[in-house]
Protein backbone atom coordinates (compact mmCIF):
# COMPACT_ATOMS: atom_id res chain seq x y z
CA UNK A 1 -92.83 -202.29 -7.72
CA UNK A 2 -95.24 -202.93 -10.32
CA UNK A 3 -94.46 -205.80 -13.07
CA UNK A 4 -95.57 -205.92 -16.44
CA UNK A 5 -95.14 -208.54 -19.18
CA UNK A 6 -94.62 -208.12 -22.91
CA UNK A 7 -93.36 -209.59 -26.01
CA UNK A 8 -90.99 -206.60 -26.69
CA UNK A 9 -89.91 -203.57 -25.11
CA UNK A 10 -88.45 -200.46 -27.01
CA UNK A 11 -86.51 -198.01 -25.30
CA UNK A 12 -86.29 -194.93 -27.20
CA UNK A 13 -89.36 -193.37 -28.65
CA UNK A 14 -87.84 -191.18 -31.12
CA UNK A 15 -88.76 -191.89 -34.93
CA UNK A 16 -87.08 -195.25 -35.16
CA UNK A 17 -88.30 -196.50 -31.95
CA UNK A 18 -91.85 -195.56 -32.59
CA UNK A 19 -91.30 -196.85 -36.16
CA UNK A 20 -90.51 -200.03 -34.64
CA UNK A 21 -93.45 -200.36 -32.32
CA UNK A 22 -95.88 -199.46 -35.30
CA UNK A 23 -94.22 -202.30 -37.49
CA UNK A 24 -94.90 -204.62 -34.49
CA UNK A 25 -98.02 -203.45 -33.40
CA UNK A 26 -99.32 -204.06 -36.89
CA UNK A 27 -98.13 -207.61 -36.52
CA UNK A 28 -100.05 -208.32 -33.24
CA UNK A 29 -97.03 -208.03 -30.94
CA UNK A 30 -97.36 -206.78 -27.67
CA UNK A 31 -95.13 -203.93 -26.92
CA UNK A 32 -94.31 -201.49 -24.30
CA UNK A 33 -92.44 -198.14 -25.68
CA UNK A 34 -90.21 -196.04 -23.03
CA UNK A 35 -89.30 -192.41 -23.77
CA UNK A 36 -88.26 -190.01 -21.68
CA UNK A 37 -89.98 -186.94 -23.74
CA UNK A 38 -93.23 -186.02 -23.72
CA UNK A 39 -93.34 -184.46 -26.96
CA UNK A 40 -90.82 -184.54 -30.19
CA UNK A 41 -88.18 -182.26 -29.71
CA UNK A 42 -88.55 -179.44 -32.27
CA UNK A 43 -85.26 -179.37 -34.11
CA UNK A 44 -85.90 -179.82 -37.81
CA UNK A 45 -83.02 -182.23 -38.16
CA UNK A 46 -83.29 -185.25 -40.40
CA UNK A 47 -85.57 -183.57 -43.09
CA UNK A 48 -84.71 -185.69 -46.22
CA UNK A 49 -86.69 -188.85 -46.52
CA UNK A 50 -85.72 -190.94 -49.62
CA UNK A 51 -88.22 -192.94 -51.54
CA UNK A 52 -87.28 -196.05 -49.96
CA UNK A 53 -88.28 -194.74 -46.48
CA UNK A 54 -91.72 -193.53 -47.94
CA UNK A 55 -92.25 -197.18 -48.93
CA UNK A 56 -91.97 -197.70 -45.08
CA UNK A 57 -94.74 -195.46 -44.07
CA UNK A 58 -97.04 -196.62 -46.94
CA UNK A 59 -96.88 -200.22 -45.37
CA UNK A 60 -97.17 -198.82 -41.96
CA UNK A 61 -100.41 -197.15 -43.40
CA UNK A 62 -99.74 -193.44 -42.84
CA UNK A 63 -97.69 -192.60 -46.06
CA UNK A 64 -100.93 -189.86 -46.75
CA UNK A 65 -100.68 -188.53 -43.76
CA UNK A 66 -97.01 -187.96 -43.78
CA UNK A 67 -97.39 -186.10 -47.16
CA UNK A 68 -100.05 -184.05 -45.72
CA UNK A 69 -97.57 -183.18 -42.71
CA UNK A 70 -95.12 -181.29 -45.21
CA UNK A 71 -94.45 -177.67 -44.72
CA UNK A 72 -92.93 -177.16 -48.15
CA UNK A 73 -95.89 -175.79 -50.79
CA UNK A 74 -96.97 -178.63 -52.71
CA UNK A 75 -94.72 -179.30 -55.43
CA UNK A 76 -91.68 -177.56 -54.15
CA UNK A 77 -88.64 -179.40 -55.56
CA UNK A 78 -86.81 -181.38 -53.38
CA UNK A 79 -82.90 -181.22 -53.90
CA UNK A 80 -79.77 -179.61 -53.12
CA UNK A 81 -77.27 -176.95 -54.82
CA UNK A 82 -73.54 -176.91 -54.42
CA UNK A 83 -71.36 -173.68 -54.72
CA UNK A 84 -67.60 -172.86 -54.26
CA UNK A 85 -66.63 -170.30 -51.67
CA UNK A 86 -69.87 -169.11 -51.13
CA UNK A 87 -73.36 -168.96 -52.50
CA UNK A 88 -72.72 -165.67 -54.29
CA UNK A 89 -70.02 -167.36 -56.39
CA UNK A 90 -70.30 -168.11 -60.13
CA UNK A 91 -69.39 -171.41 -59.62
CA UNK A 92 -72.52 -173.37 -58.59
CA UNK A 93 -74.43 -176.29 -59.67
CA UNK A 94 -77.83 -178.24 -59.42
CA UNK A 95 -77.20 -181.55 -57.67
CA UNK A 96 -78.88 -184.53 -59.20
CA UNK A 97 -80.85 -187.57 -58.12
CA UNK A 98 -83.94 -185.56 -57.44
CA UNK A 99 -86.13 -188.60 -56.62
CA UNK A 100 -84.27 -189.26 -53.59
CA UNK A 101 -81.00 -191.18 -53.43
CA UNK A 102 -80.31 -193.89 -56.01
CA UNK A 103 -81.65 -195.20 -59.29
CA UNK A 104 -84.99 -193.47 -60.46
CA UNK A 105 -88.81 -193.54 -59.61
CA UNK A 106 -89.12 -196.64 -61.28
CA UNK A 107 -87.18 -198.34 -58.78
CA UNK A 108 -89.29 -197.43 -55.61
CA UNK A 109 -93.13 -197.56 -55.25
CA UNK A 110 -93.23 -194.14 -53.73
CA UNK A 111 -91.62 -190.91 -54.34
CA UNK A 112 -89.42 -189.20 -51.84
CA UNK A 113 -90.31 -186.19 -49.20
CA UNK A 114 -88.96 -183.61 -47.25
CA UNK A 115 -90.30 -182.22 -43.63
CA UNK A 116 -88.97 -181.56 -40.25
CA UNK A 117 -88.16 -184.81 -38.05
CA UNK A 118 -90.49 -183.66 -35.50
CA UNK A 119 -93.36 -183.65 -37.76
CA UNK A 120 -92.26 -186.95 -39.08
CA UNK A 121 -92.19 -188.20 -35.50
CA UNK A 122 -95.95 -186.82 -34.80
CA UNK A 123 -97.28 -188.78 -37.56
CA UNK A 124 -95.72 -191.72 -36.32
CA UNK A 125 -97.23 -191.35 -32.99
CA UNK A 126 -100.55 -190.88 -34.31
CA UNK A 127 -100.50 -194.01 -35.91
CA UNK A 128 -99.11 -195.76 -32.74
CA UNK A 129 -102.45 -194.48 -31.07
CA UNK A 130 -104.24 -197.15 -33.30
CA UNK A 131 -102.41 -199.96 -31.83
CA UNK A 132 -104.25 -201.03 -28.03
CA UNK A 133 -101.27 -203.84 -28.07
CA UNK A 134 -98.58 -201.33 -27.96
CA UNK A 135 -98.05 -199.62 -24.40
CA UNK A 136 -96.94 -196.07 -24.58
CA UNK A 137 -94.78 -194.75 -21.65
CA UNK A 138 -94.11 -191.39 -22.57
CA UNK A 139 -92.18 -189.55 -19.64
CA UNK A 140 -90.90 -192.46 -18.49
CA UNK A 141 -86.76 -193.37 -18.42
CA UNK A 142 -85.10 -196.73 -18.80
CA UNK A 143 -82.64 -197.35 -15.46
CA UNK A 144 -81.51 -200.92 -15.96
CA UNK A 145 -81.44 -203.53 -18.32
CA UNK A 146 -80.64 -207.18 -17.58
CA UNK A 147 -81.24 -210.58 -19.15
CA UNK A 148 -81.22 -214.25 -18.69
CA UNK A 149 -81.86 -217.20 -20.50
CA UNK A 150 -85.92 -217.00 -20.25
CA UNK A 151 -86.50 -213.42 -20.34
CA UNK A 152 -85.29 -209.48 -20.51
CA UNK A 153 -86.05 -207.01 -17.89
CA UNK A 154 -85.89 -203.26 -17.96
CA UNK A 155 -86.51 -201.27 -14.79
CA UNK A 156 -88.16 -197.99 -15.90
CA UNK A 157 -88.90 -194.65 -13.61
CA UNK A 158 -91.28 -191.93 -13.94
CA UNK A 159 -89.14 -188.55 -15.10
CA UNK A 160 -91.18 -185.98 -13.23
CA UNK A 161 -93.04 -188.53 -10.85
CA UNK A 162 -92.76 -191.20 -8.05
CA UNK A 163 -93.55 -194.27 -10.55
CA UNK A 164 -91.50 -197.25 -10.81
CA UNK A 165 -92.02 -200.41 -12.77
CA UNK A 166 -90.12 -203.23 -14.05
CA UNK A 167 -90.87 -204.64 -17.57
CA UNK A 168 -90.18 -208.00 -18.83
CA UNK A 169 -90.09 -209.38 -22.43
CA UNK A 170 -88.87 -211.98 -24.59
CA UNK A 171 -86.72 -209.16 -26.07
CA UNK A 172 -85.65 -205.63 -25.90
CA UNK A 173 -84.86 -203.28 -28.75
CA UNK A 174 -82.44 -200.02 -27.82
CA UNK A 175 -83.51 -197.29 -30.05
CA UNK A 176 -82.39 -194.70 -27.32
CA UNK A 177 -79.84 -192.52 -29.41
CA UNK A 178 -76.13 -192.17 -29.86
CA UNK A 179 -75.65 -192.17 -25.84
CA UNK A 180 -77.76 -195.54 -25.88
CA UNK A 181 -78.31 -196.69 -22.12
CA UNK A 182 -79.13 -200.18 -23.51
CA UNK A 183 -76.07 -200.38 -25.60
CA UNK A 184 -73.63 -199.12 -23.01
CA UNK A 185 -75.38 -201.67 -20.05
CA UNK A 186 -74.86 -204.68 -22.67
CA UNK A 187 -71.36 -203.87 -22.95
CA UNK A 188 -71.48 -203.32 -26.87
CA UNK A 189 -68.30 -201.26 -27.85
CA UNK A 190 -68.56 -199.01 -31.12
CA UNK A 191 -65.61 -198.00 -33.33
CA UNK A 192 -65.15 -194.30 -34.28
CA UNK A 193 -63.73 -192.37 -36.77
CA UNK A 194 -63.29 -188.96 -35.48
CA UNK A 195 -63.15 -186.43 -38.06
CA UNK A 196 -61.91 -184.03 -35.71
CA UNK A 197 -64.19 -181.12 -35.97
CA UNK A 198 -66.88 -179.07 -33.78
CA UNK A 199 -70.09 -178.43 -35.76
CA UNK A 200 -72.72 -176.19 -34.95
CA UNK A 201 -76.33 -176.26 -35.67
CA UNK A 202 -78.45 -173.19 -36.08
CA UNK A 203 -82.06 -172.84 -36.61
CA UNK A 204 -83.46 -169.47 -37.49
CA UNK A 205 -85.70 -167.28 -39.49
CA UNK A 206 -84.74 -164.93 -42.24
CA UNK A 207 -86.56 -163.47 -45.04
CA UNK A 208 -83.59 -161.48 -46.13
CA UNK A 209 -81.78 -164.90 -46.73
CA UNK A 210 -84.85 -166.42 -48.76
CA UNK A 211 -84.70 -163.04 -50.99
CA UNK A 212 -80.94 -163.24 -51.62
CA UNK A 213 -81.00 -167.03 -52.96
CA UNK A 214 -83.64 -166.05 -55.45
CA UNK A 215 -80.85 -166.00 -58.10
CA UNK A 216 -81.29 -169.84 -58.18
CA UNK A 217 -83.84 -172.11 -59.41
CA UNK A 218 -85.80 -173.49 -56.19
CA UNK A 219 -84.12 -175.73 -54.05
CA UNK A 220 -84.04 -177.13 -50.38
CA UNK A 221 -80.88 -177.50 -49.34
CA UNK A 222 -77.56 -175.14 -50.21
CA UNK A 223 -74.03 -176.61 -49.86
CA UNK A 224 -70.95 -174.04 -49.46
CA UNK A 225 -67.44 -175.99 -50.46
CA UNK A 226 -64.59 -173.50 -49.01
CA UNK A 227 -61.20 -174.39 -49.07
CA UNK A 228 -60.79 -173.13 -45.49
CA UNK A 229 -62.98 -176.21 -44.21
CA UNK A 230 -60.92 -178.92 -45.96
CA UNK A 231 -63.89 -180.54 -47.43
CA UNK A 232 -66.42 -180.23 -44.48
CA UNK A 233 -69.62 -178.56 -45.65
CA UNK A 234 -71.45 -175.38 -44.61
CA UNK A 235 -75.01 -176.14 -45.28
CA UNK A 236 -78.01 -174.26 -45.25
CA UNK A 237 -81.15 -175.99 -45.35
CA UNK A 238 -84.98 -174.83 -45.81
CA UNK A 239 -87.38 -175.49 -42.99
CA UNK A 240 -90.19 -173.60 -45.03
CA UNK A 241 -90.41 -171.61 -48.25
CA UNK A 242 -89.93 -167.77 -47.07
CA UNK A 243 -88.55 -167.76 -43.40
CA UNK A 244 -87.36 -171.00 -41.83
CA UNK A 245 -83.73 -172.09 -42.28
CA UNK A 246 -81.39 -174.39 -40.42
CA UNK A 247 -77.37 -174.18 -40.94
CA UNK A 248 -74.48 -176.48 -40.21
CA UNK A 249 -70.80 -175.55 -40.21
CA UNK A 250 -67.65 -176.45 -38.64
CA UNK A 251 -66.41 -173.86 -35.74
CA UNK A 252 -63.46 -173.67 -33.71
CA UNK A 253 -62.95 -175.96 -30.56
CA UNK A 254 -63.89 -174.51 -27.66
CA UNK A 255 -66.75 -172.22 -29.45
CA UNK A 256 -70.04 -171.71 -27.18
CA UNK A 257 -73.14 -169.95 -27.57
CA UNK A 258 -71.53 -166.84 -26.03
CA UNK A 259 -68.02 -166.65 -27.68
CA UNK A 260 -68.90 -166.86 -31.38
CA UNK A 261 -70.58 -164.68 -34.24
CA UNK A 262 -72.69 -167.29 -35.73
CA UNK A 263 -74.54 -164.56 -37.88
CA UNK A 264 -71.04 -163.70 -39.13
CA UNK A 265 -70.12 -166.92 -40.13
CA UNK A 266 -73.63 -167.78 -41.90
CA UNK A 267 -73.36 -164.26 -43.76
CA UNK A 268 -69.83 -165.42 -45.20
CA UNK A 269 -71.19 -168.63 -46.18
CA UNK A 270 -74.00 -166.77 -47.85
CA UNK A 271 -71.95 -164.25 -49.63
CA UNK A 272 -73.97 -161.20 -48.33
CA UNK A 273 -75.36 -159.58 -45.21
CA UNK A 274 -78.71 -160.80 -44.09
CA UNK A 275 -80.66 -160.32 -40.54
CA UNK A 276 -81.54 -163.29 -38.77
CA UNK A 277 -83.46 -164.24 -35.82
CA UNK A 278 -82.06 -167.49 -33.78
CA UNK A 279 -84.42 -170.15 -32.45
CA UNK A 280 -81.61 -172.68 -31.47
CA UNK A 281 -77.92 -172.80 -31.35
CA UNK A 282 -76.52 -176.61 -30.79
CA UNK A 283 -73.09 -178.27 -31.12
CA UNK A 284 -72.02 -181.86 -32.06
CA UNK A 285 -68.68 -183.42 -32.85
CA UNK A 286 -67.87 -184.66 -36.32
CA UNK A 287 -67.20 -188.29 -35.92
CA UNK A 288 -68.62 -191.55 -37.18
CA UNK A 289 -69.23 -194.49 -35.23
CA UNK A 290 -70.79 -198.21 -35.66
CA UNK A 291 -71.70 -200.86 -32.91
CA UNK A 292 -69.47 -203.91 -33.03
CA UNK A 293 -72.58 -205.75 -33.16
CA UNK A 294 -76.18 -205.11 -32.90
CA UNK A 295 -77.24 -207.86 -30.57
CA UNK A 296 -76.44 -209.39 -27.07
CA UNK A 297 -78.66 -212.15 -26.81
CA UNK A 298 -82.18 -211.16 -26.27
CA UNK A 299 -81.16 -207.37 -26.76
CA UNK A 300 -80.93 -205.65 -30.21
CA UNK A 301 -80.01 -201.84 -30.98
CA UNK A 302 -81.28 -200.10 -33.88
CA UNK A 303 -80.88 -196.42 -35.15
CA UNK A 304 -78.44 -194.11 -33.62
CA UNK A 305 -77.71 -196.51 -30.89
CA UNK A 306 -76.11 -198.80 -33.29
CA UNK A 307 -74.80 -196.16 -35.72
CA UNK A 308 -74.13 -192.62 -35.64
CA UNK A 309 -72.53 -189.96 -38.29
CA UNK A 310 -72.67 -186.30 -39.28
CA UNK A 311 -75.82 -185.23 -41.04
CA UNK A 312 -74.51 -185.61 -44.46
CA UNK A 313 -76.77 -186.85 -47.11
CA UNK A 314 -79.92 -187.77 -45.10
CA UNK A 315 -78.31 -191.23 -44.20
CA UNK A 316 -79.12 -191.14 -40.55
CA UNK A 317 -83.06 -191.29 -40.05
CA UNK A 318 -83.30 -193.15 -43.15
CA UNK A 319 -80.92 -195.79 -42.37
CA UNK A 320 -82.79 -196.02 -38.57
CA UNK A 321 -85.96 -196.67 -40.09
CA UNK A 322 -84.48 -199.42 -42.45
CA UNK A 323 -83.30 -200.87 -39.27
CA UNK A 324 -86.43 -200.64 -37.69
CA UNK A 325 -88.25 -202.53 -40.59
CA UNK A 326 -85.45 -205.10 -40.76
CA UNK A 327 -85.69 -206.04 -37.46
CA UNK A 328 -89.62 -205.89 -37.17
CA UNK A 329 -90.64 -208.85 -38.91
CA UNK A 330 -87.41 -211.18 -37.61
CA UNK A 331 -88.77 -210.68 -33.96
CA UNK A 332 -92.31 -211.05 -35.09
CA UNK A 333 -91.14 -214.34 -36.85
CA UNK A 334 -89.30 -215.64 -33.89
CA UNK A 335 -92.38 -214.86 -31.46
CA UNK A 336 -95.03 -216.15 -33.87
CA UNK A 337 -92.91 -219.40 -34.32
CA UNK A 338 -92.53 -219.47 -37.94
CA UNK A 339 -88.69 -217.88 -37.64
CA UNK A 340 -85.86 -219.35 -36.19
CA UNK A 341 -82.68 -218.28 -34.30
CA UNK A 342 -80.54 -217.68 -37.31
CA UNK A 343 -83.15 -215.17 -38.71
CA UNK A 344 -82.76 -213.15 -35.58
CA UNK A 345 -78.78 -213.35 -35.98
CA UNK A 346 -79.41 -212.28 -39.30
CA UNK A 347 -80.35 -208.61 -38.30
CA UNK A 348 -76.69 -207.74 -36.97
CA UNK A 349 -75.56 -209.76 -40.14
CA UNK A 350 -77.35 -207.63 -42.82
CA UNK A 351 -77.63 -204.20 -41.21
CA UNK A 352 -74.05 -203.59 -39.63
CA UNK A 353 -72.20 -203.97 -43.05
CA UNK A 354 -74.78 -201.47 -44.74
CA UNK A 355 -73.60 -198.42 -41.95
CA UNK A 356 -70.32 -199.37 -42.12
CA UNK A 357 -69.99 -199.05 -45.57
CA UNK A 358 -72.14 -195.81 -45.86
CA UNK A 359 -70.00 -194.32 -43.20
CA UNK A 360 -66.80 -194.99 -44.93
CA UNK A 361 -67.69 -194.75 -48.50
CA UNK A 362 -70.65 -192.43 -48.56
CA UNK A 363 -69.80 -189.91 -45.69
CA UNK A 364 -66.10 -190.15 -44.49
CA UNK A 365 -65.19 -190.79 -48.28
CA UNK A 366 -67.27 -187.93 -49.86
CA UNK A 367 -65.54 -185.46 -47.10
CA UNK A 368 -62.28 -186.62 -48.33
CA UNK A 369 -63.16 -186.39 -52.07
CA UNK A 370 -64.18 -182.60 -51.29
CA UNK A 371 -60.86 -182.01 -49.22
CA UNK A 372 -58.77 -183.33 -52.05
CA UNK A 373 -60.51 -181.42 -54.84
CA UNK A 374 -60.32 -178.23 -52.65
CA UNK A 375 -56.78 -178.72 -52.17
CA UNK A 376 -55.82 -179.59 -55.98
CA UNK A 377 -57.95 -176.73 -57.41
CA UNK A 378 -58.24 -173.08 -56.96
CA UNK A 379 -59.58 -170.74 -59.38
CA UNK A 380 -57.12 -167.90 -57.95
CA UNK A 381 -54.08 -170.16 -59.08
CA UNK A 382 -55.26 -171.71 -62.24
CA UNK A 383 -58.80 -170.47 -63.53
CA UNK A 384 -58.54 -172.89 -66.42
CA UNK A 385 -57.58 -176.08 -64.59
CA UNK A 386 -60.32 -175.26 -61.81
CA UNK A 387 -63.24 -174.84 -64.26
CA UNK A 388 -62.63 -178.12 -66.06
CA UNK A 389 -62.31 -179.71 -62.85
CA UNK A 390 -65.59 -178.01 -61.68
CA UNK A 391 -67.45 -179.08 -64.48
CA UNK A 392 -66.41 -182.59 -63.90
CA UNK A 393 -67.41 -182.41 -60.19
CA UNK A 394 -70.71 -181.15 -61.57
CA UNK A 395 -71.21 -183.92 -64.23
CA UNK A 396 -70.54 -186.45 -61.66
CA UNK A 397 -72.38 -184.98 -58.55
CA UNK A 398 -75.07 -187.49 -58.15
CA UNK A 399 -72.56 -190.66 -59.09
CA UNK A 400 -72.18 -191.74 -55.36
CA UNK A 401 -75.93 -191.40 -54.77
CA UNK A 402 -76.86 -193.05 -57.68
CA UNK A 403 -74.49 -196.08 -56.87
CA UNK A 404 -76.07 -196.32 -53.21
CA UNK A 405 -78.17 -199.56 -53.77
CA UNK A 406 -78.03 -201.33 -50.03
CA UNK A 407 -78.33 -205.10 -50.58
CA UNK A 408 -78.24 -208.39 -48.59
CA UNK A 409 -76.53 -210.53 -51.22
CA UNK A 410 -74.29 -212.26 -48.54
CA UNK A 411 -77.18 -212.75 -45.84
CA UNK A 412 -77.36 -216.44 -44.53
CA UNK A 413 -80.99 -216.25 -44.77
CA UNK A 414 -81.20 -215.33 -48.55
CA UNK A 415 -80.55 -217.47 -51.69
CA UNK A 416 -77.67 -215.08 -52.72
CA UNK A 417 -74.80 -215.92 -55.20
CA UNK A 418 -71.73 -217.88 -53.81
CA UNK A 419 -69.24 -215.47 -52.13
CA UNK A 420 -71.66 -212.74 -52.15
CA UNK A 421 -71.58 -209.88 -49.09
CA UNK A 422 -74.00 -207.68 -47.68
CA UNK A 423 -73.00 -204.10 -49.03
CA UNK A 424 -74.40 -200.67 -50.42
CA UNK A 425 -72.58 -201.30 -53.75
CA UNK A 426 -75.06 -202.43 -55.81
CA UNK A 427 -76.86 -201.77 -59.08
CA UNK A 428 -80.53 -200.48 -59.60
CA UNK A 429 -82.28 -203.24 -61.68
CA UNK A 430 -85.80 -204.32 -62.46
CA UNK A 431 -84.77 -207.75 -62.37
CA UNK A 432 -85.51 -209.44 -59.20
CA UNK A 433 -82.22 -210.38 -57.43
CA UNK A 434 -81.84 -212.22 -54.27
CA UNK A 435 -80.94 -210.06 -51.74
CA UNK A 436 -81.65 -206.67 -53.42
CA UNK A 437 -84.91 -204.39 -53.04
CA UNK A 438 -87.88 -205.65 -55.20
CA UNK A 439 -88.60 -202.91 -58.02
CA UNK A 440 -92.54 -202.10 -58.33
CA UNK A 441 -94.23 -203.54 -61.19
CA UNK A 442 -97.72 -203.40 -62.63
CA UNK A 443 -99.89 -206.66 -62.89
CA UNK A 444 -102.07 -207.47 -65.51
CA UNK A 445 -104.96 -206.09 -63.34
CA UNK A 446 -103.40 -202.77 -63.31
CA UNK A 447 -102.62 -202.79 -59.72
CA UNK A 448 -98.98 -202.51 -58.47
CA UNK A 449 -97.30 -205.54 -56.96
CA UNK A 450 -96.50 -203.43 -53.94
CA UNK A 451 -100.25 -202.99 -53.56
CA UNK A 452 -100.52 -206.70 -53.46
CA UNK A 453 -97.55 -207.86 -51.37
CA UNK A 454 -98.65 -209.62 -48.13
CA UNK A 455 -97.30 -208.74 -44.55
CA UNK A 456 -95.21 -211.68 -44.51
CA UNK A 457 -93.28 -213.72 -47.38
CA UNK A 458 -94.90 -213.38 -50.49
CA UNK A 459 -94.33 -215.58 -53.75
CA UNK A 460 -94.81 -213.85 -57.12
CA UNK A 461 -95.79 -216.73 -59.73
CA UNK A 462 -95.85 -214.96 -63.16
CA UNK A 463 -96.23 -217.68 -65.67
CA UNK A 464 -95.14 -220.36 -63.38
CA UNK A 465 -96.29 -223.86 -63.57
CA UNK A 466 -98.87 -224.79 -61.02
CA UNK A 467 -96.86 -227.85 -59.50
CA UNK A 468 -93.76 -225.29 -58.60
CA UNK A 469 -96.23 -223.20 -56.72
CA UNK A 470 -98.02 -225.92 -55.03
CA UNK A 471 -94.76 -227.37 -53.96
CA UNK A 472 -93.42 -224.09 -52.32
CA UNK A 473 -97.36 -223.55 -50.85
CA UNK A 474 -96.89 -227.28 -49.46
CA UNK A 475 -93.63 -226.32 -48.17
CA UNK A 476 -94.65 -223.48 -46.26
CA UNK A 477 -97.51 -224.97 -44.95
CA UNK A 478 -95.20 -227.58 -43.53
CA UNK A 479 -93.48 -224.97 -41.72
CA UNK A 480 -96.24 -222.96 -40.77
CA UNK A 481 -94.58 -220.06 -42.75
CA UNK A 482 -97.06 -217.56 -43.68
CA UNK A 483 -97.23 -217.23 -47.53
CA UNK A 484 -99.19 -215.12 -49.77
CA UNK A 485 -99.19 -216.08 -53.44
CA UNK A 486 -99.80 -213.86 -56.49
CA UNK A 487 -100.22 -215.39 -59.82
CA UNK A 488 -100.19 -213.75 -62.93
CA UNK A 489 -99.55 -214.89 -66.66
CA UNK A 490 -98.52 -211.07 -67.23
CA UNK A 491 -95.67 -211.82 -69.61
CA UNK A 492 -94.11 -208.38 -69.55
CA UNK A 493 -94.20 -208.28 -65.92
CA UNK A 494 -92.12 -211.76 -65.76
CA UNK A 495 -89.74 -210.47 -68.40
CA UNK A 496 -89.14 -207.37 -65.97
CA UNK A 497 -88.22 -209.44 -63.01
CA UNK A 498 -86.42 -212.16 -65.22
CA UNK A 499 -88.02 -214.73 -62.97
CA UNK A 500 -91.29 -217.17 -63.10
CA UNK A 501 -91.01 -217.55 -59.36
CA UNK A 502 -89.93 -214.82 -56.76
CA UNK A 503 -89.93 -215.04 -52.92
CA UNK A 504 -90.29 -211.61 -51.42
CA UNK A 505 -89.63 -211.03 -47.84
CA UNK A 506 -91.94 -208.95 -45.39
CA UNK A 507 -89.48 -206.07 -45.85
CA UNK A 508 -89.71 -206.09 -49.94
CA UNK A 509 -86.46 -207.60 -50.48
CA UNK A 510 -86.14 -210.69 -52.76
CA UNK A 511 -84.89 -214.05 -50.74
CA UNK A 512 -85.10 -216.35 -53.83
CA UNK A 513 -85.76 -216.25 -57.76
CA UNK A 514 -86.24 -219.39 -59.76
CA UNK A 515 -88.07 -220.82 -62.94
CA UNK A 516 -89.16 -224.18 -61.79
CA UNK A 517 -89.76 -226.23 -58.83
CA UNK A 518 -87.02 -226.05 -56.18
CA UNK A 519 -85.05 -229.15 -55.71
CA UNK A 520 -86.09 -228.75 -51.86
CA UNK A 521 -88.95 -226.36 -51.81
CA UNK A 522 -89.05 -226.98 -47.87
CA UNK A 523 -85.33 -226.55 -47.16
CA UNK A 524 -85.31 -223.37 -49.33
CA UNK A 525 -87.96 -221.83 -47.11
CA UNK A 526 -86.54 -223.22 -43.88
CA UNK A 527 -83.29 -221.24 -44.86
CA UNK A 528 -85.05 -217.78 -45.49
CA UNK A 529 -86.99 -218.19 -42.43
CA UNK A 530 -83.95 -218.88 -40.39
CA UNK A 531 -85.35 -222.58 -39.47
CA UNK A 532 -82.48 -224.53 -41.17
């Protein structure tokens, strides 16, 4: 059996696995990417890409290519609409947060985007082709995973051929979906919140549906709240403008493609009859699960392998891509010698609480809030009371999204406040805060800070004393920690960040802020690099 050696083997070549390979490829890490499917599956899931996700594509060097791949016409608004009962109801409103979950455009360097997941995957695969240090094994399947103190190994077989190889690596990353072979063979358990519903996904074409929804302002998603479904959505989403659609909704247990009237279900949700041609009908169970840990020795898991949930709010793909970004620079740091064991441990420490709270508060909590609203208010029972509650719901439609600000204040490799924890419950601010995403800011040169950030750590020195900068540079040199320094005397910029010195991690999160020379610059850098 052929034997090959890499620094990292990635099992699973969906968007998260390919994104991780791209990120590691840019950092010079030798990788093998194993994926059983030769081509992306053409099901239009995971369409909503947030502003933060577009920042990833900017740093992966393919943001323009991603925007060029969009199916929607240029300038077509990305946003949702909620209706009561059906889409012909008198009660409906346009949902807020048009820039793509949380805060506003000024808190992110990129605007959000929308396109089918298979097109996102195609853009990432094209970018991957530019890295000779990444071996692509599409059409191969991982069979067994094992590890010892010296290495991790994956035995892979060719899906439609006789090939068999043993891939050895320093680390393995399992990005192989909700039924992850990597997770199962590593004995990583999951906790589940079963919401006790079977859901259908239909992909279809209908010009009549497009015509029937011209009563609304242009939107890409249409959500129906109906009392019969106890807070679970019936949900139409555009694939293109004019004909292409997908639809999610609860269906009775035991539903199959042969024993149910899916067109009738969609017509009832729309509130009018329309013709449709189905391209795909599939099912999934409505549950939320999160792995008990994201690492076992030399093996890590990311994306759906570590967390799964209903396709509500576009959290799945975006959360998985953030996993990849968080994991990539930490693996690179360990392999290149400037990151220590605590840095690797911080991946699970930082990322697991984010999804655990996302599932509990944003998804399950959202379903429960909608269920309580539908049980309490009914226009047939008390129209005046319902209309007051509906206006209140409309006014607060974006509150949960706006308050979604994942941060790592409690991370062991961040100089956060005492007693802090990693959480989704933060506040968008332009001030630089340890553990939080850095907001964009113009430099005195007219360029944005994000255009100048280095691939590793970056020190923003805005009006700082040179001895303070020199002390941090000396500490980085002593630790062989890659550090780029951006000096600027631009006082408005310093005021926006509310710090003269801001140390930024490779994932654009702030590790530390200060005004003067740190008491122990080398100790500070050792902590944030996991060397302490």
